[in-house]
C-alpha cells in the first residue's frame, strides 16, 4: 500500500517537514557563518591578545566569506568583554579571546558568569613565559640559591607584584619552595621595573617581552623561566622546575572561546580554521616577535587546560587567603 496516498492530505505536509528536518538542520550547521563574526577583545588595542585576534581575523574572513570584526570592550579586568561573549547567542558568530586573566579572575572576583560552565574554550592559541628576574647585584644567581636565602631568612626576600599572574606567580613560588616571601604591590610592571633594577625590591615575575630588553642590556638578570620548557629566545636559561623547584609552571597565554552550547560541527570548524591560521608561518613569526610560542590545540585539550589553570590559580589564592572582590 502507498502510505502517503492513503494518508489524509492535511497530514502530508507534517510528514514532509519531519522527513526534511534533519536535512534542514545539517544545511543550517554547514552554512556557518551566514553573517559577520565578531571577536570580542576585553582589553584596549595593541596587546598580545588583540594582535592575535586581528591576525586571525584577517585570515578567517576570506576563508569564511564573511567579515570578522574585532571589537575591543575593555574594563573591569577583562570581565566586561568576557561577559558579553558569555551572554551571546551560541551560534559561533560571537567569539572572545583572553589571556591568563581569564582563569585568574575566577580566584579574584565574584564573576557574573562561570568561565567553565558558560563558556567553551576553543583553542589554546599561544603561551608566553613568565621570567623570574632580579637586579644584577642581587646575591642569588640561580633558583637554588634564591630558595636557600628565602628559607634561611623568612620574609627577607621581597617580590614585586602587580596583581594577576605577576603577583600569584610569586606567591606560588614561595608556597612550593616552602619559603616566606614578602609581596610589594605595584600598580603595573612599568612602575616596578625601576625599583627592581635598583635593588629596592629583590625579584619579580614578568612576561618575557616586558623584561627581555633589560636582560639583554644587563640591567636585570634572569634566574629562571616559569614555562614547562626552555624558551628559544633565552635557550641557556633553565626552567624554574629544572633549576630547583620541580613542577613549578607559570605562564601567560592566549585562548579563544565562545558561549557554551555552540553546535559541535560549528565548534569543530572554528577550531580547525583557527588552528590552521595560527600555524601559518607569517602568524608564527609575528607572534614570536611578541615572545609568544604558538600552540593551536584542539577543543578537548583547550578545555582541559582551562580547567587546570582555574584550579591552579584558585588554589594559590585560597592558600594565601585572598578574598574574592
C-alpha atoms as a PDB file:
ATOM      1  CA  UNK A   1       0.000   0.000   0.000  1.00  0.00           C
ATOM      2  CA  UNK A   2       1.133   3.539  -0.743  1.00  0.00           C
ATOM      3  CA  UNK A   3       1.106   5.066   2.761  1.00  0.00           C
ATOM      4  CA  UNK A   4       1.442   8.625   1.507  1.00  0.00           C
ATOM      5  CA  UNK A   5      -1.513   8.204  -0.856  1.00  0.00           C
ATOM      6  CA  UNK A   6      -3.614   6.689   1.917  1.00  0.00           C
ATOM      7  CA  UNK A   7      -2.752   9.454   4.347  1.00  0.00           C
ATOM      8  CA  UNK A   8      -5.138  12.396   4.798  1.00  0.00           C
ATOM      9  CA  UNK A   9      -3.963  15.371   2.787  1.00  0.00           C
ATOM     10  CA  UNK A  10      -3.774  17.564   5.921  1.00  0.00           C
ATOM     11  CA  UNK A  11      -1.082  15.322   7.417  1.00  0.00           C
ATOM     12  CA  UNK A  12       1.157  15.135   4.339  1.00  0.00           C
ATOM     13  CA  UNK A  13       2.932  18.479   4.918  1.00  0.00           C
ATOM     14  CA  UNK A  14       3.679  17.463   8.511  1.00  0.00           C
ATOM     15  CA  UNK A  15       5.251  14.211   7.320  1.00  0.00           C
ATOM     16  CA  UNK A  16       7.307  16.019   4.717  1.00  0.00           C
ATOM     17  CA  UNK A  17       8.514  18.519   7.312  1.00  0.00           C
ATOM     18  CA  UNK A  18       9.524  15.728   9.668  1.00  0.00           C
ATOM     19  CA  UNK A  19      11.457  13.925   6.949  1.00  0.00           C
ATOM     20  CA  UNK A  20      13.225  17.079   5.811  1.00  0.00           C
ATOM     21  CA  UNK A  21      14.044  18.453   9.288  1.00  0.00           C
ATOM     22  CA  UNK A  22      17.383  16.607   9.700  1.00  0.00           C
ATOM     23  CA  UNK A  23      18.451  17.775   6.252  1.00  0.00           C
ATOM     24  CA  UNK A  24      17.473  21.328   7.159  1.00  0.00           C
ATOM     25  CA  UNK A  25      19.486  21.214  10.366  1.00  0.00           C
ATOM     26  CA  UNK A  26      22.511  19.843   8.543  1.00  0.00           C
ATOM     27  CA  UNK A  27      22.293  22.631   5.983  1.00  0.00           C
ATOM     28  CA  UNK A  28      21.960  25.237   8.738  1.00  0.00           C
ATOM     29  CA  UNK A  29      25.030  23.933  10.526  1.00  0.00           C
ATOM     30  CA  UNK A  30      27.119  23.647   7.377  1.00  0.00           C
ATOM     31  CA  UNK A  31      26.251  27.220   6.433  1.00  0.00           C
ATOM     32  CA  UNK A  32      28.366  28.726   9.227  1.00  0.00           C
ATOM     33  CA  UNK A  33      28.990  31.569   9.152  1.00  0.00           C
ATOM     34  CA  UNK A  34      25.977  33.115   7.475  1.00  0.00           C
ATOM     35  CA  UNK A  35      26.601  36.655   8.766  1.00  0.00           C
ATOM     36  CA  UNK A  36      29.576  38.619  10.162  1.00  0.00           C
ATOM     37  CA  UNK A  37      31.548  37.112  13.048  1.00  0.00           C
ATOM     38  CA  UNK A  38      32.811  39.278  15.865  1.00  0.00           C
ATOM     39  CA  UNK A  39      35.756  38.530  18.137  1.00  0.00           C
ATOM     40  CA  UNK A  40      35.468  40.414  21.422  1.00  0.00           C
ATOM     41  CA  UNK A  41      38.811  41.535  22.872  1.00  0.00           C
ATOM     42  CA  UNK A  42      38.327  42.506  26.540  1.00  0.00           C
ATOM     43  CA  UNK A  43      41.284  44.922  26.586  1.00  0.00           C
ATOM     44  CA  UNK A  44      42.377  48.039  24.714  1.00  0.00           C
ATOM     45  CA  UNK A  45      44.049  47.636  21.298  1.00  0.00           C
ATOM     46  CA  UNK A  46      47.718  46.811  20.963  1.00  0.00           C
ATOM     47  CA  UNK A  47      48.394  43.936  23.346  1.00  0.00           C
ATOM     48  CA  UNK A  48      49.184  40.332  22.505  1.00  0.00           C
ATOM     49  CA  UNK A  49      45.599  39.046  22.549  1.00  0.00           C
ATOM     50  CA  UNK A  50      44.408  41.985  20.452  1.00  0.00           C
ATOM     51  CA  UNK A  51      47.159  41.393  17.889  1.00  0.00           C
ATOM     52  CA  UNK A  52      46.365  37.669  17.806  1.00  0.00           C
ATOM     53  CA  UNK A  53      42.671  38.353  17.216  1.00  0.00           C
ATOM     54  CA  UNK A  54      43.472  40.704  14.338  1.00  0.00           C
ATOM     55  CA  UNK A  55      45.926  38.274  12.754  1.00  0.00           C
ATOM     56  CA  UNK A  56      43.315  35.522  12.818  1.00  0.00           C
ATOM     57  CA  UNK A  57      40.528  37.823  11.704  1.00  0.00           C
ATOM     58  CA  UNK A  58      42.496  38.761   8.593  1.00  0.00           C
ATOM     59  CA  UNK A  59      42.851  35.085   7.686  1.00  0.00           C
ATOM     60  CA  UNK A  60      39.442  33.776   8.721  1.00  0.00           C
ATOM     61  CA  UNK A  61      37.415  36.426   6.909  1.00  0.00           C
ATOM     62  CA  UNK A  62      38.316  35.283   3.355  1.00  0.00           C
ATOM     63  CA  UNK A  63      38.003  31.633   4.384  1.00  0.00           C
ATOM     64  CA  UNK A  64      34.581  32.138   5.939  1.00  0.00           C
ATOM     65  CA  UNK A  65      33.493  34.610   3.251  1.00  0.00           C
ATOM     66  CA  UNK A  66      32.167  36.895   5.977  1.00  0.00           C
ATOM     67  CA  UNK A  67      33.643  39.923   7.746  1.00  0.00           C
ATOM     68  CA  UNK A  68      35.400  39.096  11.028  1.00  0.00           C
ATOM     69  CA  UNK A  69      35.035  42.176  13.207  1.00  0.00           C
ATOM     70  CA  UNK A  70      37.405  42.790  16.127  1.00  0.00           C
ATOM     71  CA  UNK A  71      35.532  44.514  18.938  1.00  0.00           C
ATOM     72  CA  UNK A  72      37.545  45.922  21.851  1.00  0.00           C
ATOM     73  CA  UNK A  73      35.463  46.003  25.044  1.00  0.00           C
ATOM     74  CA  UNK A  74      37.891  46.753  27.883  1.00  0.00           C
ATOM     75  CA  UNK A  75      37.033  47.233  31.518  1.00  0.00           C
ATOM     76  CA  UNK A  76      36.741  45.548  34.926  1.00  0.00           C
ATOM     77  CA  UNK A  77      39.871  43.423  34.470  1.00  0.00           C
ATOM     78  CA  UNK A  78      38.548  41.807  31.256  1.00  0.00           C
ATOM     79  CA  UNK A  79      35.191  40.952  32.819  1.00  0.00           C
ATOM     80  CA  UNK A  80      33.004  43.290  30.720  1.00  0.00           C
ATOM     81  CA  UNK A  81      34.096  41.913  27.353  1.00  0.00           C
ATOM     82  CA  UNK A  82      34.125  38.310  28.513  1.00  0.00           C
ATOM     83  CA  UNK A  83      30.608  38.568  29.936  1.00  0.00           C
ATOM     84  CA  UNK A  84      29.391  39.907  26.581  1.00  0.00           C
ATOM     85  CA  UNK A  85      30.564  36.658  24.976  1.00  0.00           C
ATOM     86  CA  UNK A  86      29.040  34.511  27.726  1.00  0.00           C
ATOM     87  CA  UNK A  87      25.653  36.178  27.137  1.00  0.00           C
ATOM     88  CA  UNK A  88      25.777  35.992  23.322  1.00  0.00           C
ATOM     89  CA  UNK A  89      23.875  33.552  21.123  1.00  0.00           C
ATOM     90  CA  UNK A  90      25.637  30.192  20.984  1.00  0.00           C
ATOM     91  CA  UNK A  91      25.836  30.026  17.190  1.00  0.00           C
ATOM     92  CA  UNK A  92      29.557  30.685  16.716  1.00  0.00           C
ATOM     93  CA  UNK A  93      29.129  34.240  15.459  1.00  0.00           C
ATOM     94  CA  UNK A  94      30.344  35.828  18.710  1.00  0.00           C
ATOM     95  CA  UNK A  95      33.731  34.682  19.981  1.00  0.00           C
ATOM     96  CA  UNK A  96      36.221  36.011  22.508  1.00  0.00           C
ATOM     97  CA  UNK A  97      39.925  35.982  23.267  1.00  0.00           C
ATOM     98  CA  UNK A  98      41.677  36.449  26.594  1.00  0.00           C
ATOM     99  CA  UNK A  99      44.932  35.938  28.460  1.00  0.00           C
ATOM    100  CA  UNK A 100      45.742  34.214  31.754  1.00  0.00           C
ATOM    101  CA  UNK A 101      43.494  36.785  33.463  1.00  0.00           C
ATOM    102  CA  UNK A 102      40.625  34.652  32.135  1.00  0.00           C
ATOM    103  CA  UNK A 103      41.494  31.922  34.666  1.00  0.00           C
ATOM    104  CA  UNK A 104      42.830  34.101  37.485  1.00  0.00           C
ATOM    105  CA  UNK A 105      39.656  36.210  37.632  1.00  0.00           C
ATOM    106  CA  UNK A 106      37.850  33.163  38.997  1.00  0.00           C
ATOM    107  CA  UNK A 107      40.111  33.342  42.053  1.00  0.00           C
ATOM    108  CA  UNK A 108      39.904  37.119  42.484  1.00  0.00           C
ATOM    109  CA  UNK A 109      36.307  38.131  41.747  1.00  0.00           C
ATOM    110  CA  UNK A 110      32.700  37.101  42.199  1.00  0.00           C
ATOM    111  CA  UNK A 111      32.040  36.841  38.490  1.00  0.00           C
ATOM    112  CA  UNK A 112      28.632  37.278  36.819  1.00  0.00           C
ATOM    113  CA  UNK A 113      29.387  34.164  34.765  1.00  0.00           C
ATOM    114  CA  UNK A 114      31.291  30.891  35.116  1.00  0.00           C
ATOM    115  CA  UNK A 115      34.133  30.528  32.574  1.00  0.00           C
ATOM    116  CA  UNK A 116      33.941  26.733  32.773  1.00  0.00           C
ATOM    117  CA  UNK A 117      30.153  26.462  32.575  1.00  0.00           C
ATOM    118  CA  UNK A 118      29.073  29.445  30.466  1.00  0.00           C
ATOM    119  CA  UNK A 119      31.987  29.471  28.020  1.00  0.00           C
ATOM    120  CA  UNK A 120      33.688  26.856  25.862  1.00  0.00           C
ATOM    121  CA  UNK A 121      37.429  27.195  25.304  1.00  0.00           C
ATOM    122  CA  UNK A 122      38.018  26.694  21.593  1.00  0.00           C
ATOM    123  CA  UNK A 123      41.806  26.640  21.390  1.00  0.00           C
ATOM    124  CA  UNK A 124      44.893  27.485  23.393  1.00  0.00           C
ATOM    125  CA  UNK A 125      46.468  29.839  20.862  1.00  0.00           C
ATOM    126  CA  UNK A 126      49.872  30.571  22.390  1.00  0.00           C
ATOM    127  CA  UNK A 127      51.932  30.720  25.576  1.00  0.00           C
ATOM    128  CA  UNK A 128      54.321  33.400  26.855  1.00  0.00           C
ATOM    129  CA  UNK A 129      56.835  32.551  29.608  1.00  0.00           C
ATOM    130  CA  UNK A 130      56.902  34.399  32.900  1.00  0.00           C
ATOM    131  CA  UNK A 131      60.553  35.098  33.689  1.00  0.00           C
ATOM    132  CA  UNK A 132      61.978  35.299  37.217  1.00  0.00           C
ATOM    133  CA  UNK A 133      64.317  38.308  37.249  1.00  0.00           C
ATOM    134  CA  UNK A 134      66.414  40.255  39.754  1.00  0.00           C
ATOM    135  CA  UNK A 135      68.845  43.167  39.842  1.00  0.00           C
ATOM    136  CA  UNK A 136      72.371  42.311  38.608  1.00  0.00           C
ATOM    137  CA  UNK A 137      73.880  42.675  42.102  1.00  0.00           C
ATOM    138  CA  UNK A 138      71.228  40.588  43.868  1.00  0.00           C
ATOM    139  CA  UNK A 139      73.066  37.878  45.799  1.00  0.00           C
ATOM    140  CA  UNK A 140      71.494  34.650  44.495  1.00  0.00           C
ATOM    141  CA  UNK A 141      72.385  33.820  40.895  1.00  0.00           C
ATOM    142  CA  UNK A 142      70.041  30.896  40.401  1.00  0.00           C
ATOM    143  CA  UNK A 143      66.813  29.401  41.707  1.00  0.00           C
ATOM    144  CA  UNK A 144      68.530  27.088  44.188  1.00  0.00           C
ATOM    145  CA  UNK A 145      70.420  29.955  45.822  1.00  0.00           C
ATOM    146  CA  UNK A 146      67.251  32.056  45.940  1.00  0.00           C
ATOM    147  CA  UNK A 147      65.301  29.306  47.704  1.00  0.00           C
ATOM    148  CA  UNK A 148      68.143  28.799  50.185  1.00  0.00           C
ATOM    149  CA  UNK A 149      68.180  32.523  51.054  1.00  0.00           C
ATOM    150  CA  UNK A 150      64.405  32.721  51.355  1.00  0.00           C
ATOM    151  CA  UNK A 151      64.306  29.718  53.676  1.00  0.00           C
ATOM    152  CA  UNK A 152      67.189  30.883  55.862  1.00  0.00           C
ATOM    153  CA  UNK A 153      65.765  34.409  56.262  1.00  0.00           C
ATOM    154  CA  UNK A 154      61.937  34.304  56.187  1.00  0.00           C
ATOM    155  CA  UNK A 155      60.350  37.442  54.696  1.00  0.00           C
ATOM    156  CA  UNK A 156      63.805  38.759  53.774  1.00  0.00           C
ATOM    157  CA  UNK A 157      63.203  38.300  50.020  1.00  0.00           C
ATOM    158  CA  UNK A 158      60.780  40.821  48.507  1.00  0.00           C
ATOM    159  CA  UNK A 159      58.958  40.368  45.235  1.00  0.00           C
ATOM    160  CA  UNK A 160      57.140  42.915  43.115  1.00  0.00           C
ATOM    161  CA  UNK A 161      53.536  42.112  42.288  1.00  0.00           C
ATOM    162  CA  UNK A 162      51.096  43.955  40.085  1.00  0.00           C
ATOM    163  CA  UNK A 163      48.016  41.802  40.504  1.00  0.00           C
ATOM    164  CA  UNK A 164      47.059  38.813  38.388  1.00  0.00           C
ATOM    165  CA  UNK A 165      49.675  36.357  37.200  1.00  0.00           C
ATOM    166  CA  UNK A 166      52.663  38.551  38.073  1.00  0.00           C
ATOM    167  CA  UNK A 167      51.564  38.559  41.709  1.00  0.00           C
ATOM    168  CA  UNK A 168      50.312  34.983  42.023  1.00  0.00           C
ATOM    169  CA  UNK A 169      53.383  33.548  40.283  1.00  0.00           C
ATOM    170  CA  UNK A 170      55.496  34.918  43.126  1.00  0.00           C
ATOM    171  CA  UNK A 171      53.095  33.626  45.743  1.00  0.00           C
ATOM    172  CA  UNK A 172      53.094  30.173  44.129  1.00  0.00           C
ATOM    173  CA  UNK A 173      56.899  30.190  44.079  1.00  0.00           C
ATOM    174  CA  UNK A 174      57.015  30.814  47.826  1.00  0.00           C
ATOM    175  CA  UNK A 175      54.364  28.191  48.559  1.00  0.00           C
ATOM    176  CA  UNK A 176      56.066  25.478  46.519  1.00  0.00           C
ATOM    177  CA  UNK A 177      59.506  26.373  47.887  1.00  0.00           C
ATOM    178  CA  UNK A 178      58.241  26.349  51.464  1.00  0.00           C
ATOM    179  CA  UNK A 179      59.625  29.846  51.954  1.00  0.00           C
ATOM    180  CA  UNK A 180      58.009  33.069  53.130  1.00  0.00           C
ATOM    181  CA  UNK A 181      58.450  35.913  50.625  1.00  0.00           C
ATOM    182  CA  UNK A 182      57.258  39.489  51.095  1.00  0.00           C
ATOM    183  CA  UNK A 183      54.909  40.865  48.461  1.00  0.00           C
ATOM    184  CA  UNK A 184      55.416  44.520  47.471  1.00  0.00           C
ATOM    185  CA  UNK A 185      52.414  45.750  45.441  1.00  0.00           C
ATOM    186  CA  UNK A 186      52.791  47.956  42.355  1.00  0.00           C
ATOM    187  CA  UNK A 187      50.195  49.362  40.011  1.00  0.00           C
ATOM    188  CA  UNK A 188      51.904  47.804  36.985  1.00  0.00           C
ATOM    189  CA  UNK A 189      55.091  46.240  35.684  1.00  0.00           C
ATOM    190  CA  UNK A 190      56.419  49.515  34.347  1.00  0.00           C
ATOM    191  CA  UNK A 191      56.157  51.058  37.814  1.00  0.00           C
ATOM    192  CA  UNK A 192      58.001  48.127  39.394  1.00  0.00           C
ATOM    193  CA  UNK A 193      60.924  47.879  36.975  1.00  0.00           C
ATOM    194  CA  UNK A 194      62.948  50.887  38.249  1.00  0.00           C
ATOM    195  CA  UNK A 195      62.788  49.635  41.845  1.00  0.00           C
ATOM    196  CA  UNK A 196      63.700  46.138  40.690  1.00  0.00           C
ATOM    197  CA  UNK A 197      66.733  47.331  38.727  1.00  0.00           C
ATOM    198  CA  UNK A 198      67.925  49.478  41.633  1.00  0.00           C
ATOM    199  CA  UNK A 199      67.533  46.672  44.152  1.00  0.00           C
ATOM    200  CA  UNK A 200      64.803  48.285  46.232  1.00  0.00           C
ATOM    201  CA  UNK A 201      62.787  45.113  45.567  1.00  0.00           C
ATOM    202  CA  UNK A 202      64.560  41.793  45.126  1.00  0.00           C
ATOM    203  CA  UNK A 203      62.789  39.728  42.480  1.00  0.00           C
ATOM    204  CA  UNK A 204      59.861  39.789  40.104  1.00  0.00           C
ATOM    205  CA  UNK A 205      57.985  37.532  37.726  1.00  0.00           C
ATOM    206  CA  UNK A 206      57.101  39.241  34.466  1.00  0.00           C
ATOM    207  CA  UNK A 207      56.374  38.297  30.876  1.00  0.00           C
ATOM    208  CA  UNK A 208      59.292  37.650  28.568  1.00  0.00           C
ATOM    209  CA  UNK A 209      58.619  40.661  26.293  1.00  0.00           C
ATOM    210  CA  UNK A 210      58.429  43.005  29.301  1.00  0.00           C
ATOM    211  CA  UNK A 211      61.904  42.136  30.625  1.00  0.00           C
ATOM    212  CA  UNK A 212      63.831  40.792  27.629  1.00  0.00           C
ATOM    213  CA  UNK A 213      65.375  44.152  26.734  1.00  0.00           C
ATOM    214  CA  UNK A 214      66.557  44.699  30.307  1.00  0.00           C
ATOM    215  CA  UNK A 215      68.070  41.214  30.416  1.00  0.00           C
ATOM    216  CA  UNK A 216      69.963  41.735  27.158  1.00  0.00           C
ATOM    217  CA  UNK A 217      71.197  45.160  28.333  1.00  0.00           C
ATOM    218  CA  UNK A 218      72.444  43.723  31.626  1.00  0.00           C
ATOM    219  CA  UNK A 219      70.010  45.782  33.710  1.00  0.00           C
ATOM    220  CA  UNK A 220      68.306  42.654  35.053  1.00  0.00           C
ATOM    221  CA  UNK A 221      69.489  39.095  35.454  1.00  0.00           C
ATOM    222  CA  UNK A 222      67.232  36.165  34.703  1.00  0.00           C
ATOM    223  CA  UNK A 223      67.131  33.342  37.256  1.00  0.00           C
ATOM    224  CA  UNK A 224      64.659  31.048  35.522  1.00  0.00           C
ATOM    225  CA  UNK A 225      61.659  30.727  33.244  1.00  0.00           C
ATOM    226  CA  UNK A 226      58.261  29.680  34.514  1.00  0.00           C
ATOM    227  CA  UNK A 227      57.400  27.768  31.341  1.00  0.00           C
ATOM    228  CA  UNK A 228      57.414  23.977  31.196  1.00  0.00           C
ATOM    229  CA  UNK A 229      60.326  24.009  28.748  1.00  0.00           C
ATOM    230  CA  UNK A 230      63.115  26.437  27.974  1.00  0.00           C
ATOM    231  CA  UNK A 231      62.253  29.343  25.734  1.00  0.00           C
ATOM    232  CA  UNK A 232      64.105  29.514  22.409  1.00  0.00           C
ATOM    233  CA  UNK A 233      64.556  33.250  22.985  1.00  0.00           C
ATOM    234  CA  UNK A 234      66.770  32.515  26.029  1.00  0.00           C
ATOM    235  CA  UNK A 235      67.874  28.926  25.396  1.00  0.00           C
ATOM    236  CA  UNK A 236      70.522  28.887  28.166  1.00  0.00           C
ATOM    237  CA  UNK A 237      68.047  29.955  30.854  1.00  0.00           C
ATOM    238  CA  UNK A 238      66.820  26.914  32.794  1.00  0.00           C
ATOM    239  CA  UNK A 239      63.201  26.426  33.726  1.00  0.00           C
ATOM    240  CA  UNK A 240      62.387  27.027  37.373  1.00  0.00           C
ATOM    241  CA  UNK A 241      61.245  23.420  37.544  1.00  0.00           C
ATOM    242  CA  UNK A 242      64.597  22.017  36.424  1.00  0.00           C
ATOM    243  CA  UNK A 243      66.598  24.615  38.398  1.00  0.00           C
ATOM    244  CA  UNK A 244      65.344  23.661  41.836  1.00  0.00           C
ATOM    245  CA  UNK A 245      61.545  23.731  42.111  1.00  0.00           C
ATOM    246  CA  UNK A 246      60.167  20.620  40.355  1.00  0.00           C
ATOM    247  CA  UNK A 247      56.669  21.014  38.940  1.00  0.00           C
ATOM    248  CA  UNK A 248      56.617  24.806  39.033  1.00  0.00           C
ATOM    249  CA  UNK A 249      54.907  26.304  35.989  1.00  0.00           C
ATOM    250  CA  UNK A 250      53.624  29.841  35.465  1.00  0.00           C
ATOM    251  CA  UNK A 251      52.974  31.321  32.051  1.00  0.00           C
ATOM    252  CA  UNK A 252      50.815  33.869  30.370  1.00  0.00           C
ATOM    253  CA  UNK A 253      48.810  32.656  27.401  1.00  0.00           C
ATOM    254  CA  UNK A 254      46.026  33.420  24.966  1.00  0.00           C
ATOM    255  CA  UNK A 255      42.846  31.429  24.397  1.00  0.00           C
ATOM    256  CA  UNK A 256      39.864  31.805  22.096  1.00  0.00           C
ATOM    257  CA  UNK A 257      36.443  30.934  23.458  1.00  0.00           C
ATOM    258  CA  UNK A 258      32.721  31.205  22.771  1.00  0.00           C
ATOM    259  CA  UNK A 259      29.438  30.833  24.613  1.00  0.00           C
ATOM    260  CA  UNK A 260      28.625  27.303  25.736  1.00  0.00           C
ATOM    261  CA  UNK A 261      26.231  25.418  23.500  1.00  0.00           C
ATOM    262  CA  UNK A 262      27.784  26.115  20.098  1.00  0.00           C
ATOM    263  CA  UNK A 263      26.753  23.170  17.854  1.00  0.00           C
ATOM    264  CA  UNK A 264      29.532  20.611  17.721  1.00  0.00           C
ATOM    265  CA  UNK A 265      30.100  20.783  13.941  1.00  0.00           C
ATOM    266  CA  UNK A 266      30.389  24.582  14.109  1.00  0.00           C
ATOM    267  CA  UNK A 267      32.683  24.400  17.142  1.00  0.00           C
ATOM    268  CA  UNK A 268      34.983  21.949  15.396  1.00  0.00           C
ATOM    269  CA  UNK A 269      35.008  24.025  12.226  1.00  0.00           C
ATOM    270  CA  UNK A 270      36.006  27.150  14.154  1.00  0.00           C
ATOM    271  CA  UNK A 271      38.747  25.225  15.945  1.00  0.00           C
ATOM    272  CA  UNK A 272      40.098  23.685  12.732  1.00  0.00           C
ATOM    273  CA  UNK A 273      40.157  27.013  10.918  1.00  0.00           C
ATOM    274  CA  UNK A 274      41.732  28.875  13.833  1.00  0.00           C
ATOM    275  CA  UNK A 275      44.447  26.281  14.319  1.00  0.00           C
ATOM    276  CA  UNK A 276      45.263  26.359  10.603  1.00  0.00           C
ATOM    277  CA  UNK A 277      45.557  30.159  10.728  1.00  0.00           C
ATOM    278  CA  UNK A 278      47.769  30.003  13.829  1.00  0.00           C
ATOM    279  CA  UNK A 279      50.139  27.600  12.089  1.00  0.00           C
ATOM    280  CA  UNK A 280      50.763  29.924   9.151  1.00  0.00           C
ATOM    281  CA  UNK A 281      54.456  30.945   9.112  1.00  0.00           C
ATOM    282  CA  UNK A 282      53.625  34.656   8.991  1.00  0.00           C
ATOM    283  CA  UNK A 283      51.486  34.350  12.129  1.00  0.00           C
ATOM    284  CA  UNK A 284      54.155  32.351  13.959  1.00  0.00           C
ATOM    285  CA  UNK A 285      56.769  34.926  13.019  1.00  0.00           C
ATOM    286  CA  UNK A 286      54.713  37.883  14.223  1.00  0.00           C
ATOM    287  CA  UNK A 287      53.790  36.157  17.467  1.00  0.00           C
ATOM    288  CA  UNK A 288      57.400  35.124  18.094  1.00  0.00           C
ATOM    289  CA  UNK A 289      58.303  38.814  17.952  1.00  0.00           C
ATOM    290  CA  UNK A 290      55.960  39.244  20.938  1.00  0.00           C
ATOM    291  CA  UNK A 291      57.724  36.453  22.836  1.00  0.00           C
ATOM    292  CA  UNK A 292      54.838  34.065  22.209  1.00  0.00           C
ATOM    293  CA  UNK A 293      55.045  30.435  21.145  1.00  0.00           C
ATOM    294  CA  UNK A 294      52.119  29.208  19.037  1.00  0.00           C
ATOM    295  CA  UNK A 295      50.219  26.169  20.329  1.00  0.00           C
ATOM    296  CA  UNK A 296      46.907  25.761  18.482  1.00  0.00           C
ATOM    297  CA  UNK A 297      45.243  22.983  20.490  1.00  0.00           C
ATOM    298  CA  UNK A 298      42.073  21.009  19.836  1.00  0.00           C
ATOM    299  CA  UNK A 299      38.914  21.797  21.803  1.00  0.00           C
ATOM    300  CA  UNK A 300      39.247  18.967  24.332  1.00  0.00           C
ATOM    301  CA  UNK A 301      42.835  19.921  25.153  1.00  0.00           C
ATOM    302  CA  UNK A 302      41.884  23.593  25.439  1.00  0.00           C
ATOM    303  CA  UNK A 303      39.028  22.770  27.807  1.00  0.00           C
ATOM    304  CA  UNK A 304      41.265  20.612  29.997  1.00  0.00           C
ATOM    305  CA  UNK A 305      43.940  23.317  30.036  1.00  0.00           C
ATOM    306  CA  UNK A 306      41.456  25.976  31.144  1.00  0.00           C
ATOM    307  CA  UNK A 307      40.100  23.739  33.905  1.00  0.00           C
ATOM    308  CA  UNK A 308      43.624  23.084  35.215  1.00  0.00           C
ATOM    309  CA  UNK A 309      44.566  26.790  35.135  1.00  0.00           C
ATOM    310  CA  UNK A 310      41.434  27.810  37.029  1.00  0.00           C
ATOM    311  CA  UNK A 311      42.136  25.140  39.650  1.00  0.00           C
ATOM    312  CA  UNK A 312      45.817  26.084  39.982  1.00  0.00           C
ATOM    313  CA  UNK A 313      45.356  29.808  40.499  1.00  0.00           C
ATOM    314  CA  UNK A 314      42.291  29.348  42.709  1.00  0.00           C
ATOM    315  CA  UNK A 315      44.335  27.069  44.958  1.00  0.00           C
ATOM    316  CA  UNK A 316      47.136  29.639  45.234  1.00  0.00           C
ATOM    317  CA  UNK A 317      44.667  32.421  46.053  1.00  0.00           C
ATOM    318  CA  UNK A 318      42.979  30.276  48.695  1.00  0.00           C
ATOM    319  CA  UNK A 319      46.267  29.312  50.356  1.00  0.00           C
ATOM    320  CA  UNK A 320      47.394  32.924  50.742  1.00  0.00           C
ATOM    321  CA  UNK A 321      43.959  33.989  51.962  1.00  0.00           C
ATOM    322  CA  UNK A 322      42.843  36.232  49.108  1.00  0.00           C
ATOM    323  CA  UNK A 323      39.159  37.057  49.348  1.00  0.00           C
ATOM    324  CA  UNK A 324      37.088  37.473  46.215  1.00  0.00           C
ATOM    325  CA  UNK A 325      36.014  41.010  45.494  1.00  0.00           C
END
